[in-house]
């Protein structure tokens, strides 16, 4: 018997899909890898942008705009077929209902960043997320999937019954894209004036990501150890102004080049002030690279291969960058880092979701 699973893919319609967009793509990839017995459908607003068309599944659309659909999903499950066995909201946008009478309804909560870093969000963004959190508190039939045990504990402390909370791993692998070869990576960097070793940051450029403090700390560390090379930033601008100073800004790069940059970097650094999960350090470990990361990144909890730093102290970041150079970069060391995140695959992510939908 085939189980019909409907997932929201609205995040891929947004100008900056970000980490949730990676989660949507990865979850679809993982569910498709599980095999027979599942029919995976997406649901979203009108039109189908390239990112949606590339998912490899049928996407059901509604005549509503993204903004209107997000507003109305708590009231009515627009686009969700009546024969859906599982309706999964990949974010707090929704949908939260629909399907058969026995359908399972779940929603993934990624973070509480609008509470942790209110200055990094807009007033409208804070109101939206707070209202959705209150909606989830009232919706006792909704199961909540979290990607971090830390967040699960916080949701319980807020008042959500622990029986409603499920945990799912995220993935760092990518079966659909191969890393760019070293020659292409060198060529891309050379076009921005970079040759030789480099320190790499991947993510949006916004105040919460702490890029300005990283830039200053890297400058100090490079004076001690020139082999760190220049700081190279990949990713789109986020909300809020960030002074990147003398860092080299590549902007948004394609997935293949991103994976190649992770692999070839001398050190990968990711030191946000606050973080819901933190995909970049895990992706860097998957590529075998040395990683410096904030101690507040749930994704690398307990991972002894990561150099942890206090993101609020520039001297801690500087020291972390210098300490990372003491780690081996030989094949054995790189393999050890890859093994440290070996269970973080999109296939396992899909299995965790299937367990949550039982």
C-alpha atoms as a PDB file:
ATOM      1  CA  UNK A   1       0.000   0.000   0.000  1.00  0.00           C
ATOM      2  CA  UNK A   2       1.390   3.381  -1.012  1.00  0.00           C
ATOM      3  CA  UNK A   3       1.546   6.130   1.583  1.00  0.00           C
ATOM      4  CA  UNK A   4       0.905   9.609   0.198  1.00  0.00           C
ATOM      5  CA  UNK A   5       3.103  12.270   1.808  1.00  0.00           C
ATOM      6  CA  UNK A   6       2.580  15.970   1.117  1.00  0.00           C
ATOM      7  CA  UNK A   7       5.340  18.451   1.974  1.00  0.00           C
ATOM      8  CA  UNK A   8       5.289  22.235   1.789  1.00  0.00           C
ATOM      9  CA  UNK A   9       7.926  23.551  -0.610  1.00  0.00           C
ATOM     10  CA  UNK A  10       7.088  27.246  -0.294  1.00  0.00           C
ATOM     11  CA  UNK A  11      10.548  28.050   1.099  1.00  0.00           C
ATOM     12  CA  UNK A  12      12.002  27.425  -2.359  1.00  0.00           C
ATOM     13  CA  UNK A  13       9.860  30.275  -3.724  1.00  0.00           C
ATOM     14  CA  UNK A  14      11.544  32.788  -1.438  1.00  0.00           C
ATOM     15  CA  UNK A  15      14.425  35.030  -2.582  1.00  0.00           C
ATOM     16  CA  UNK A  16      16.721  33.461   0.019  1.00  0.00           C
ATOM     17  CA  UNK A  17      15.695  29.848   0.732  1.00  0.00           C
ATOM     18  CA  UNK A  18      18.584  29.521   3.199  1.00  0.00           C
ATOM     19  CA  UNK A  19      18.981  26.528   5.489  1.00  0.00           C
ATOM     20  CA  UNK A  20      15.279  25.655   5.375  1.00  0.00           C
ATOM     21  CA  UNK A  21      15.509  25.482   1.595  1.00  0.00           C
ATOM     22  CA  UNK A  22      18.422  23.038   1.932  1.00  0.00           C
ATOM     23  CA  UNK A  23      16.319  21.004   4.350  1.00  0.00           C
ATOM     24  CA  UNK A  24      13.384  20.852   1.912  1.00  0.00           C
ATOM     25  CA  UNK A  25      15.613  19.703  -0.955  1.00  0.00           C
ATOM     26  CA  UNK A  26      17.450  17.212   1.235  1.00  0.00           C
ATOM     27  CA  UNK A  27      14.304  15.737   2.767  1.00  0.00           C
ATOM     28  CA  UNK A  28      12.800  15.175  -0.679  1.00  0.00           C
ATOM     29  CA  UNK A  29      16.050  13.551  -1.835  1.00  0.00           C
ATOM     30  CA  UNK A  30      16.082  11.342   1.252  1.00  0.00           C
ATOM     31  CA  UNK A  31      12.456  10.258   0.923  1.00  0.00           C
ATOM     32  CA  UNK A  32      12.981   9.380  -2.735  1.00  0.00           C
ATOM     33  CA  UNK A  33      15.944   7.222  -1.714  1.00  0.00           C
ATOM     34  CA  UNK A  34      13.846   5.177   0.706  1.00  0.00           C
ATOM     35  CA  UNK A  35      12.226   3.274  -2.141  1.00  0.00           C
ATOM     36  CA  UNK A  36       8.804   1.874  -2.839  1.00  0.00           C
ATOM     37  CA  UNK A  37       5.710   2.470  -0.788  1.00  0.00           C
ATOM     38  CA  UNK A  38       5.880   6.261  -0.737  1.00  0.00           C
ATOM     39  CA  UNK A  39       4.365   8.870  -3.019  1.00  0.00           C
ATOM     40  CA  UNK A  40       5.975  12.245  -2.367  1.00  0.00           C
ATOM     41  CA  UNK A  41       4.132  15.407  -3.369  1.00  0.00           C
ATOM     42  CA  UNK A  42       5.010  19.041  -2.842  1.00  0.00           C
ATOM     43  CA  UNK A  43       2.551  21.854  -2.255  1.00  0.00           C
ATOM     44  CA  UNK A  44       3.174  25.554  -2.795  1.00  0.00           C
ATOM     45  CA  UNK A  45       1.879  28.794  -4.280  1.00  0.00           C
ATOM     46  CA  UNK A  46       1.255  29.519  -7.930  1.00  0.00           C
ATOM     47  CA  UNK A  47       4.026  29.105 -10.515  1.00  0.00           C
ATOM     48  CA  UNK A  48       7.052  26.832 -10.225  1.00  0.00           C
ATOM     49  CA  UNK A  49      10.475  28.476  -9.916  1.00  0.00           C
ATOM     50  CA  UNK A  50      13.516  26.491 -11.121  1.00  0.00           C
ATOM     51  CA  UNK A  51      14.377  25.263  -7.622  1.00  0.00           C
ATOM     52  CA  UNK A  52      10.922  23.689  -7.358  1.00  0.00           C
ATOM     53  CA  UNK A  53      11.006  22.153 -10.830  1.00  0.00           C
ATOM     54  CA  UNK A  54      14.333  20.508  -9.987  1.00  0.00           C
ATOM     55  CA  UNK A  55      12.971  18.629  -6.974  1.00  0.00           C
ATOM     56  CA  UNK A  56      11.987  15.600  -9.024  1.00  0.00           C
ATOM     57  CA  UNK A  57       8.495  15.304  -7.539  1.00  0.00           C
ATOM     58  CA  UNK A  58       5.057  16.518  -8.521  1.00  0.00           C
ATOM     59  CA  UNK A  59       4.270  19.879  -6.942  1.00  0.00           C
ATOM     60  CA  UNK A  60       0.649  20.836  -6.401  1.00  0.00           C
ATOM     61  CA  UNK A  61       0.095  24.565  -6.758  1.00  0.00           C
ATOM     62  CA  UNK A  62      -2.650  26.918  -5.663  1.00  0.00           C
ATOM     63  CA  UNK A  63      -3.779  30.137  -7.366  1.00  0.00           C
ATOM     64  CA  UNK A  64      -2.622  32.079  -4.294  1.00  0.00           C
ATOM     65  CA  UNK A  65       0.532  34.146  -3.937  1.00  0.00           C
ATOM     66  CA  UNK A  66       3.228  33.079  -1.488  1.00  0.00           C
ATOM     67  CA  UNK A  67       2.306  35.819   0.960  1.00  0.00           C
ATOM     68  CA  UNK A  68      -1.422  35.098   0.911  1.00  0.00           C
ATOM     69  CA  UNK A  69      -0.928  31.344   1.119  1.00  0.00           C
ATOM     70  CA  UNK A  70       1.270  31.742   4.183  1.00  0.00           C
ATOM     71  CA  UNK A  71      -1.363  33.929   5.829  1.00  0.00           C
ATOM     72  CA  UNK A  72      -4.210  31.520   5.123  1.00  0.00           C
ATOM     73  CA  UNK A  73      -2.630  28.115   5.761  1.00  0.00           C
ATOM     74  CA  UNK A  74      -3.417  28.131   9.527  1.00  0.00           C
ATOM     75  CA  UNK A  75      -7.129  28.459   8.613  1.00  0.00           C
ATOM     76  CA  UNK A  76      -7.399  26.192   5.593  1.00  0.00           C
ATOM     77  CA  UNK A  77      -4.999  23.653   3.976  1.00  0.00           C
ATOM     78  CA  UNK A  78      -4.985  25.145   0.484  1.00  0.00           C
ATOM     79  CA  UNK A  79      -3.404  22.780  -2.033  1.00  0.00           C
ATOM     80  CA  UNK A  80      -3.404  19.693   0.195  1.00  0.00           C
ATOM     81  CA  UNK A  81      -5.229  16.753  -1.454  1.00  0.00           C
ATOM     82  CA  UNK A  82      -7.938  15.022   0.544  1.00  0.00           C
ATOM     83  CA  UNK A  83      -6.261  11.626   0.190  1.00  0.00           C
ATOM     84  CA  UNK A  84      -2.941  12.663   1.796  1.00  0.00           C
ATOM     85  CA  UNK A  85      -1.817  10.302   4.560  1.00  0.00           C
ATOM     86  CA  UNK A  86       0.829  12.700   5.901  1.00  0.00           C
ATOM     87  CA  UNK A  87       0.814  16.500   5.728  1.00  0.00           C
ATOM     88  CA  UNK A  88       4.167  17.938   6.718  1.00  0.00           C
ATOM     89  CA  UNK A  89       4.850  21.654   7.058  1.00  0.00           C
ATOM     90  CA  UNK A  90       8.582  22.080   6.509  1.00  0.00           C
ATOM     91  CA  UNK A  91       8.425  25.393   8.384  1.00  0.00           C
ATOM     92  CA  UNK A  92       5.951  27.310  10.507  1.00  0.00           C
ATOM     93  CA  UNK A  93       4.442  28.737   7.311  1.00  0.00           C
ATOM     94  CA  UNK A  94       2.218  25.640   7.070  1.00  0.00           C
ATOM     95  CA  UNK A  95      -0.012  23.942   5.983  1.00  0.00           C
ATOM     96  CA  UNK A  96      -1.329  22.444   9.194  1.00  0.00           C
ATOM     97  CA  UNK A  97      -4.310  20.355   8.110  1.00  0.00           C
ATOM     98  CA  UNK A  98      -5.939  18.526   5.246  1.00  0.00           C
ATOM     99  CA  UNK A  99      -5.673  14.975   3.984  1.00  0.00           C
ATOM    100  CA  UNK A 100      -7.671  11.966   5.169  1.00  0.00           C
ATOM    101  CA  UNK A 101      -9.462  11.765   8.500  1.00  0.00           C
ATOM    102  CA  UNK A 102      -6.552   9.727   9.867  1.00  0.00           C
ATOM    103  CA  UNK A 103      -3.821  11.862   8.325  1.00  0.00           C
ATOM    104  CA  UNK A 104      -0.751  12.644  10.419  1.00  0.00           C
ATOM    105  CA  UNK A 105       0.097  16.344  10.639  1.00  0.00           C
ATOM    106  CA  UNK A 106       3.581  17.558  11.506  1.00  0.00           C
ATOM    107  CA  UNK A 107       5.561  20.786  11.379  1.00  0.00           C
ATOM    108  CA  UNK A 108       9.299  21.352  11.645  1.00  0.00           C
ATOM    109  CA  UNK A 109      10.420  23.983  14.121  1.00  0.00           C
ATOM    110  CA  UNK A 110      13.913  25.116  13.171  1.00  0.00           C
ATOM    111  CA  UNK A 111      14.696  27.699  15.825  1.00  0.00           C
ATOM    112  CA  UNK A 112      13.563  30.452  18.183  1.00  0.00           C
ATOM    113  CA  UNK A 113      15.934  33.012  16.726  1.00  0.00           C
ATOM    114  CA  UNK A 114      13.387  35.818  16.691  1.00  0.00           C
ATOM    115  CA  UNK A 115      13.474  35.562  20.499  1.00  0.00           C
ATOM    116  CA  UNK A 116      17.212  34.968  20.790  1.00  0.00           C
ATOM    117  CA  UNK A 117      18.243  37.706  18.344  1.00  0.00           C
ATOM    118  CA  UNK A 118      15.283  40.086  17.967  1.00  0.00           C
ATOM    119  CA  UNK A 119      17.533  42.832  16.615  1.00  0.00           C
ATOM    120  CA  UNK A 120      18.383  40.550  13.687  1.00  0.00           C
ATOM    121  CA  UNK A 121      14.779  40.356  12.551  1.00  0.00           C
ATOM    122  CA  UNK A 122      12.157  42.833  11.431  1.00  0.00           C
ATOM    123  CA  UNK A 123       9.185  43.756  13.642  1.00  0.00           C
ATOM    124  CA  UNK A 124       6.908  42.002  11.145  1.00  0.00           C
ATOM    125  CA  UNK A 125       9.114  38.912  11.244  1.00  0.00           C
ATOM    126  CA  UNK A 126       8.998  38.801  15.037  1.00  0.00           C
ATOM    127  CA  UNK A 127       5.209  39.182  15.089  1.00  0.00           C
ATOM    128  CA  UNK A 128       4.780  36.466  12.455  1.00  0.00           C
ATOM    129  CA  UNK A 129       6.946  33.883  14.184  1.00  0.00           C
ATOM    130  CA  UNK A 130       5.564  34.626  17.632  1.00  0.00           C
ATOM    131  CA  UNK A 131       1.986  34.266  16.368  1.00  0.00           C
ATOM    132  CA  UNK A 132       2.865  30.932  14.727  1.00  0.00           C
ATOM    133  CA  UNK A 133       4.465  29.695  17.939  1.00  0.00           C
ATOM    134  CA  UNK A 134       1.270  30.545  19.841  1.00  0.00           C
ATOM    135  CA  UNK A 135      -0.719  28.754  17.125  1.00  0.00           C
ATOM    136  CA  UNK A 136       1.416  25.632  17.598  1.00  0.00           C
ATOM    137  CA  UNK A 137       0.952  25.798  21.355  1.00  0.00           C
ATOM    138  CA  UNK A 138      -2.825  25.677  20.817  1.00  0.00           C
ATOM    139  CA  UNK A 139      -2.735  22.990  18.091  1.00  0.00           C
ATOM    140  CA  UNK A 140      -2.377  19.943  20.294  1.00  0.00           C
ATOM    141  CA  UNK A 141      -2.845  17.442  17.456  1.00  0.00           C
ATOM    142  CA  UNK A 142       0.184  18.719  15.580  1.00  0.00           C
ATOM    143  CA  UNK A 143       3.407  16.802  16.069  1.00  0.00           C
ATOM    144  CA  UNK A 144       6.499  18.998  16.108  1.00  0.00           C
ATOM    145  CA  UNK A 145       9.752  17.838  14.534  1.00  0.00           C
ATOM    146  CA  UNK A 146      12.933  19.535  15.727  1.00  0.00           C
ATOM    147  CA  UNK A 147      16.442  19.203  14.351  1.00  0.00           C
ATOM    148  CA  UNK A 148      18.090  19.926  17.699  1.00  0.00           C
ATOM    149  CA  UNK A 149      17.566  18.305  21.124  1.00  0.00           C
ATOM    150  CA  UNK A 150      18.357  21.744  22.595  1.00  0.00           C
ATOM    151  CA  UNK A 151      15.350  23.191  20.824  1.00  0.00           C
ATOM    152  CA  UNK A 152      13.182  20.283  21.942  1.00  0.00           C
ATOM    153  CA  UNK A 153      14.002  21.091  25.556  1.00  0.00           C
ATOM    154  CA  UNK A 154      13.177  24.753  25.031  1.00  0.00           C
ATOM    155  CA  UNK A 155       9.831  23.933  23.419  1.00  0.00           C
ATOM    156  CA  UNK A 156       8.976  21.764  26.419  1.00  0.00           C
ATOM    157  CA  UNK A 157       9.918  24.628  28.736  1.00  0.00           C
ATOM    158  CA  UNK A 158       7.639  26.939  26.747  1.00  0.00           C
ATOM    159  CA  UNK A 159       4.725  24.596  27.343  1.00  0.00           C
ATOM    160  CA  UNK A 160       4.598  22.067  24.486  1.00  0.00           C
ATOM    161  CA  UNK A 161       3.795  18.517  25.600  1.00  0.00           C
ATOM    162  CA  UNK A 162       6.956  16.396  25.130  1.00  0.00           C
ATOM    163  CA  UNK A 163       4.803  13.640  23.597  1.00  0.00           C
ATOM    164  CA  UNK A 164       4.277  15.963  20.617  1.00  0.00           C
ATOM    165  CA  UNK A 165       7.996  16.504  20.013  1.00  0.00           C
ATOM    166  CA  UNK A 166      10.048  14.360  17.625  1.00  0.00           C
ATOM    167  CA  UNK A 167      13.713  14.641  16.629  1.00  0.00           C
ATOM    168  CA  UNK A 168      15.183  14.343  13.128  1.00  0.00           C
ATOM    169  CA  UNK A 169      18.771  14.519  11.931  1.00  0.00           C
ATOM    170  CA  UNK A 170      19.653  16.755   9.016  1.00  0.00           C
ATOM    171  CA  UNK A 171      21.980  15.749   6.204  1.00  0.00           C
ATOM    172  CA  UNK A 172      25.299  16.961   4.863  1.00  0.00           C
ATOM    173  CA  UNK A 173      25.589  14.684   1.856  1.00  0.00           C
ATOM    174  CA  UNK A 174      24.385  15.601  -1.628  1.00  0.00           C
ATOM    175  CA  UNK A 175      23.844  12.738  -4.043  1.00  0.00           C
ATOM    176  CA  UNK A 176      22.747  15.007  -6.875  1.00  0.00           C
ATOM    177  CA  UNK A 177      25.761  17.362  -7.090  1.00  0.00           C
ATOM    178  CA  UNK A 178      29.488  16.667  -7.375  1.00  0.00           C
ATOM    179  CA  UNK A 179      32.042  19.041  -5.895  1.00  0.00           C
ATOM    180  CA  UNK A 180      33.779  21.265  -8.426  1.00  0.00           C
ATOM    181  CA  UNK A 181      37.258  20.077  -9.337  1.00  0.00           C
ATOM    182  CA  UNK A 182      40.226  21.945  -7.780  1.00  0.00           C
ATOM    183  CA  UNK A 183      41.021  23.686 -11.065  1.00  0.00           C
ATOM    184  CA  UNK A 184      37.574  25.286 -11.199  1.00  0.00           C
ATOM    185  CA  UNK A 185      37.840  26.334  -7.542  1.00  0.00           C
ATOM    186  CA  UNK A 186      41.227  27.940  -8.160  1.00  0.00           C
ATOM    187  CA  UNK A 187      39.905  29.696 -11.258  1.00  0.00           C
ATOM    188  CA  UNK A 188      36.915  31.105  -9.407  1.00  0.00           C
ATOM    189  CA  UNK A 189      39.108  32.369  -6.574  1.00  0.00           C
ATOM    190  CA  UNK A 190      41.665  33.791  -8.996  1.00  0.00           C
ATOM    191  CA  UNK A 191      38.945  35.863 -10.641  1.00  0.00           C
ATOM    192  CA  UNK A 192      38.537  37.549  -7.248  1.00  0.00           C
ATOM    193  CA  UNK A 193      42.266  38.015  -6.714  1.00  0.00           C
ATOM    194  CA  UNK A 194      42.780  35.001  -4.435  1.00  0.00           C
ATOM    195  CA  UNK A 195      45.582  32.497  -4.933  1.00  0.00           C
ATOM    196  CA  UNK A 196      46.932  29.921  -2.515  1.00  0.00           C
ATOM    197  CA  UNK A 197      45.408  29.045   0.882  1.00  0.00           C
ATOM    198  CA  UNK A 198      42.205  30.662   2.122  1.00  0.00           C
ATOM    199  CA  UNK A 199      39.869  30.658   5.099  1.00  0.00           C
ATOM    200  CA  UNK A 200      36.268  30.050   4.120  1.00  0.00           C
ATOM    201  CA  UNK A 201      32.875  31.160   5.418  1.00  0.00           C
ATOM    202  CA  UNK A 202      29.591  29.998   3.879  1.00  0.00           C
ATOM    203  CA  UNK A 203      26.270  31.571   4.807  1.00  0.00           C
ATOM    204  CA  UNK A 204      24.273  34.749   4.552  1.00  0.00           C
ATOM    205  CA  UNK A 205      25.973  38.021   5.405  1.00  0.00           C
ATOM    206  CA  UNK A 206      23.883  39.449   8.229  1.00  0.00           C
ATOM    207  CA  UNK A 207      24.555  40.669  11.781  1.00  0.00           C
ATOM    208  CA  UNK A 208      23.433  37.431  13.452  1.00  0.00           C
ATOM    209  CA  UNK A 209      26.067  35.481  11.545  1.00  0.00           C
ATOM    210  CA  UNK A 210      28.780  37.537  13.277  1.00  0.00           C
ATOM    211  CA  UNK A 211      30.720  38.112  10.066  1.00  0.00           C
ATOM    212  CA  UNK A 212      32.177  41.446  11.183  1.00  0.00           C
ATOM    213  CA  UNK A 213      33.701  39.894  14.308  1.00  0.00           C
ATOM    214  CA  UNK A 214      35.014  36.985  12.220  1.00  0.00           C
ATOM    215  CA  UNK A 215      36.622  39.417   9.771  1.00  0.00           C
ATOM    216  CA  UNK A 216      38.466  41.230  12.567  1.00  0.00           C
ATOM    217  CA  UNK A 217      39.497  38.020  14.333  1.00  0.00           C
ATOM    218  CA  UNK A 218      40.747  36.516  11.088  1.00  0.00           C
ATOM    219  CA  UNK A 219      42.828  39.619  10.370  1.00  0.00           C
ATOM    220  CA  UNK A 220      44.549  39.238  13.759  1.00  0.00           C
ATOM    221  CA  UNK A 221      45.070  35.498  13.302  1.00  0.00           C
ATOM    222  CA  UNK A 222      46.499  35.935   9.820  1.00  0.00           C
ATOM    223  CA  UNK A 223      49.144  38.318  11.135  1.00  0.00           C
ATOM    224  CA  UNK A 224      50.401  35.439  13.295  1.00  0.00           C
ATOM    225  CA  UNK A 225      49.829  32.668  10.726  1.00  0.00           C
ATOM    226  CA  UNK A 226      49.824  33.941   7.116  1.00  0.00           C
ATOM    227  CA  UNK A 227      49.014  30.397   5.949  1.00  0.00           C
ATOM    228  CA  UNK A 228      45.364  31.083   6.822  1.00  0.00           C
ATOM    229  CA  UNK A 229      45.231  33.134   3.630  1.00  0.00           C
ATOM    230  CA  UNK A 230      42.485  35.678   2.948  1.00  0.00           C
ATOM    231  CA  UNK A 231      38.990  35.257   4.315  1.00  0.00           C
ATOM    232  CA  UNK A 232      36.601  34.266   1.535  1.00  0.00           C
ATOM    233  CA  UNK A 233      32.841  34.705   2.006  1.00  0.00           C
ATOM    234  CA  UNK A 234      30.263  32.804  -0.050  1.00  0.00           C
ATOM    235  CA  UNK A 235      26.536  33.370   0.213  1.00  0.00           C
ATOM    236  CA  UNK A 236      23.897  36.040  -0.350  1.00  0.00           C
ATOM    237  CA  UNK A 237      23.386  39.211   1.698  1.00  0.00           C
ATOM    238  CA  UNK A 238      20.905  38.811   4.518  1.00  0.00           C
ATOM    239  CA  UNK A 239      18.848  41.269   6.526  1.00  0.00           C
ATOM    240  CA  UNK A 240      20.907  44.102   8.011  1.00  0.00           C
ATOM    241  CA  UNK A 241      24.164  45.810   7.076  1.00  0.00           C
ATOM    242  CA  UNK A 242      27.477  43.975   7.437  1.00  0.00           C
ATOM    243  CA  UNK A 243      30.905  45.552   6.904  1.00  0.00           C
ATOM    244  CA  UNK A 244      33.034  42.854   5.238  1.00  0.00           C
ATOM    245  CA  UNK A 245      36.165  45.089   5.232  1.00  0.00           C
ATOM    246  CA  UNK A 246      39.030  43.312   3.472  1.00  0.00           C
ATOM    247  CA  UNK A 247      37.309  39.918   3.152  1.00  0.00           C
ATOM    248  CA  UNK A 248      36.787  38.577  -0.373  1.00  0.00           C
ATOM    249  CA  UNK A 249      33.078  38.358  -1.175  1.00  0.00           C
ATOM    250  CA  UNK A 250      32.130  35.766  -3.779  1.00  0.00           C
ATOM    251  CA  UNK A 251      28.400  36.197  -3.289  1.00  0.00           C
ATOM    252  CA  UNK A 252      25.999  33.384  -4.063  1.00  0.00           C
ATOM    253  CA  UNK A 253      27.775  30.433  -5.704  1.00  0.00           C
ATOM    254  CA  UNK A 254      26.338  27.276  -7.215  1.00  0.00           C
ATOM    255  CA  UNK A 255      26.200  24.111  -5.162  1.00  0.00           C
ATOM    256  CA  UNK A 256      29.058  22.383  -6.986  1.00  0.00           C
ATOM    257  CA  UNK A 257      31.456  25.274  -6.416  1.00  0.00           C
ATOM    258  CA  UNK A 258      30.362  25.569  -2.782  1.00  0.00           C
ATOM    259  CA  UNK A 259      31.263  21.930  -2.125  1.00  0.00           C
ATOM    260  CA  UNK A 260      34.627  22.454  -3.809  1.00  0.00           C
ATOM    261  CA  UNK A 261      35.335  25.523  -1.665  1.00  0.00           C
ATOM    262  CA  UNK A 262      34.558  23.559   1.498  1.00  0.00           C
ATOM    263  CA  UNK A 263      36.951  20.815   0.406  1.00  0.00           C
ATOM    264  CA  UNK A 264      39.847  23.061  -0.598  1.00  0.00           C
ATOM    265  CA  UNK A 265      39.739  25.615   2.222  1.00  0.00           C
ATOM    266  CA  UNK A 266      42.581  25.749   4.717  1.00  0.00           C
ATOM    267  CA  UNK A 267      39.994  26.288   7.473  1.00  0.00           C
ATOM    268  CA  UNK A 268      36.215  26.695   7.398  1.00  0.00           C
ATOM    269  CA  UNK A 269      34.916  29.163   9.987  1.00  0.00           C
ATOM    270  CA  UNK A 270      31.309  29.607  11.112  1.00  0.00           C
ATOM    271  CA  UNK A 271      30.793  31.663  14.268  1.00  0.00           C
ATOM    272  CA  UNK A 272      27.212  33.013  14.488  1.00  0.00           C
ATOM    273  CA  UNK A 273      26.018  34.786  17.612  1.00  0.00           C
ATOM    274  CA  UNK A 274      22.964  32.524  17.669  1.00  0.00           C
ATOM    275  CA  UNK A 275      22.053  29.528  15.527  1.00  0.00           C
ATOM    276  CA  UNK A 276      19.092  27.226  15.057  1.00  0.00           C
ATOM    277  CA  UNK A 277      21.170  24.285  13.798  1.00  0.00           C
ATOM    278  CA  UNK A 278      24.171  25.228  11.636  1.00  0.00           C
ATOM    279  CA  UNK A 279      24.514  23.353   8.351  1.00  0.00           C
ATOM    280  CA  UNK A 280      27.813  24.882   7.048  1.00  0.00           C
ATOM    281  CA  UNK A 281      30.149  23.371   9.689  1.00  0.00           C
ATOM    282  CA  UNK A 282      28.650  19.926   9.126  1.00  0.00           C
ATOM    283  CA  UNK A 283      29.009  20.282   5.357  1.00  0.00           C
ATOM    284  CA  UNK A 284      32.635  21.336   5.850  1.00  0.00           C
ATOM    285  CA  UNK A 285      33.317  18.300   8.046  1.00  0.00           C
ATOM    286  CA  UNK A 286      31.672  16.115   5.414  1.00  0.00           C
ATOM    287  CA  UNK A 287      34.188  17.538   2.943  1.00  0.00           C
ATOM    288  CA  UNK A 288      37.033  16.656   5.353  1.00  0.00           C
ATOM    289  CA  UNK A 289      38.004  20.229   6.183  1.00  0.00           C
ATOM    290  CA  UNK A 290      39.173  21.753   9.452  1.00  0.00           C
ATOM    291  CA  UNK A 291      36.337  23.608  11.170  1.00  0.00           C
ATOM    292  CA  UNK A 292      36.107  26.467  13.653  1.00  0.00           C
ATOM    293  CA  UNK A 293      32.560  27.005  14.945  1.00  0.00           C
ATOM    294  CA  UNK A 294      30.565  28.720  17.655  1.00  0.00           C
ATOM    295  CA  UNK A 295      29.923  26.668  20.740  1.00  0.00           C
ATOM    296  CA  UNK A 296      26.226  27.525  20.305  1.00  0.00           C
ATOM    297  CA  UNK A 297      25.843  25.555  17.022  1.00  0.00           C
ATOM    298  CA  UNK A 298      23.610  22.546  17.807  1.00  0.00           C
ATOM    299  CA  UNK A 299      24.780  20.718  14.679  1.00  0.00           C
ATOM    300  CA  UNK A 300      28.245  20.035  16.089  1.00  0.00           C
ATOM    301  CA  UNK A 301      27.310  19.253  19.701  1.00  0.00           C
ATOM    302  CA  UNK A 302      29.745  16.670  21.032  1.00  0.00           C
ATOM    303  CA  UNK A 303      31.861  16.618  17.869  1.00  0.00           C
ATOM    304  CA  UNK A 304      35.473  16.493  18.986  1.00  0.00           C
ATOM    305  CA  UNK A 305      36.764  17.301  15.496  1.00  0.00           C
ATOM    306  CA  UNK A 306      35.585  20.919  15.733  1.00  0.00           C
ATOM    307  CA  UNK A 307      37.475  23.809  17.312  1.00  0.00           C
ATOM    308  CA  UNK A 308      34.825  25.532  19.421  1.00  0.00           C
ATOM    309  CA  UNK A 309      34.944  29.264  20.146  1.00  0.00           C
ATOM    310  CA  UNK A 310      32.969  31.894  22.005  1.00  0.00           C
ATOM    311  CA  UNK A 311      31.376  33.922  19.194  1.00  0.00           C
ATOM    312  CA  UNK A 312      31.148  37.043  21.321  1.00  0.00           C
ATOM    313  CA  UNK A 313      34.900  37.252  21.954  1.00  0.00           C
ATOM    314  CA  UNK A 314      37.144  38.173  19.038  1.00  0.00           C
ATOM    315  CA  UNK A 315      40.181  36.814  20.855  1.00  0.00           C
ATOM    316  CA  UNK A 316      38.444  33.433  21.198  1.00  0.00           C
ATOM    317  CA  UNK A 317      37.774  33.314  17.445  1.00  0.00           C
ATOM    318  CA  UNK A 318      41.357  34.383  16.722  1.00  0.00           C
ATOM    319  CA  UNK A 319      42.727  31.685  19.011  1.00  0.00           C
ATOM    320  CA  UNK A 320      40.398  29.113  17.454  1.00  0.00           C
ATOM    321  CA  UNK A 321      41.606  29.893  13.948  1.00  0.00           C
ATOM    322  CA  UNK A 322      45.216  29.499  15.068  1.00  0.00           C
ATOM    323  CA  UNK A 323      44.466  26.265  16.951  1.00  0.00           C
ATOM    324  CA  UNK A 324      42.747  24.789  13.920  1.00  0.00           C
ATOM    325  CA  UNK A 325      46.014  24.959  11.985  1.00  0.00           C
ATOM    326  CA  UNK A 326      47.493  22.507  14.496  1.00  0.00           C
ATOM    327  CA  UNK A 327      44.991  19.872  13.392  1.00  0.00           C
ATOM    328  CA  UNK A 328      46.141  17.454  10.743  1.00  0.00           C
ATOM    329  CA  UNK A 329      45.119  17.947   7.134  1.00  0.00           C
ATOM    330  CA  UNK A 330      46.402  14.587   5.938  1.00  0.00           C
ATOM    331  CA  UNK A 331      44.068  11.952   4.405  1.00  0.00           C
ATOM    332  CA  UNK A 332      43.607  10.149   7.728  1.00  0.00           C
ATOM    333  CA  UNK A 333      42.617  13.357   9.559  1.00  0.00           C
ATOM    334  CA  UNK A 334      40.237  14.353   6.787  1.00  0.00           C
ATOM    335  CA  UNK A 335      38.628  10.923   6.835  1.00  0.00           C
ATOM    336  CA  UNK A 336      38.209  11.130  10.599  1.00  0.00           C
ATOM    337  CA  UNK A 337      36.311  14.400  10.188  1.00  0.00           C
ATOM    338  CA  UNK A 338      34.091  12.876   7.526  1.00  0.00           C
ATOM    339  CA  UNK A 339      33.323   9.914   9.790  1.00  0.00           C
ATOM    340  CA  UNK A 340      32.315  12.291  12.606  1.00  0.00           C
ATOM    341  CA  UNK A 341      29.247  13.326  10.581  1.00  0.00           C
ATOM    342  CA  UNK A 342      28.702  10.050   8.728  1.00  0.00           C
ATOM    343  CA  UNK A 343      25.202   9.532  10.143  1.00  0.00           C
ATOM    344  CA  UNK A 344      24.069  12.985   9.018  1.00  0.00           C
ATOM    345  CA  UNK A 345      22.645  11.944   5.671  1.00  0.00           C
ATOM    346  CA  UNK A 346      19.415  12.948   3.996  1.00  0.00           C
ATOM    347  CA  UNK A 347      18.476   9.261   3.846  1.00  0.00           C
ATOM    348  CA  UNK A 348      18.675   9.101   7.654  1.00  0.00           C
ATOM    349  CA  UNK A 349      16.787  12.402   7.830  1.00  0.00           C
ATOM    350  CA  UNK A 350      13.984  10.791   5.824  1.00  0.00           C
ATOM    351  CA  UNK A 351      13.991   7.705   8.083  1.00  0.00           C
ATOM    352  CA  UNK A 352      13.675   9.951  11.155  1.00  0.00           C
ATOM    353  CA  UNK A 353      10.696  11.709   9.567  1.00  0.00           C
ATOM    354  CA  UNK A 354       9.043   8.408   8.658  1.00  0.00           C
ATOM    355  CA  UNK A 355       9.403   7.336  12.277  1.00  0.00           C
ATOM    356  CA  UNK A 356       7.811  10.618  13.397  1.00  0.00           C
ATOM    357  CA  UNK A 357       4.879   9.952  11.045  1.00  0.00           C
ATOM    358  CA  UNK A 358       4.052   6.514  12.471  1.00  0.00           C
END
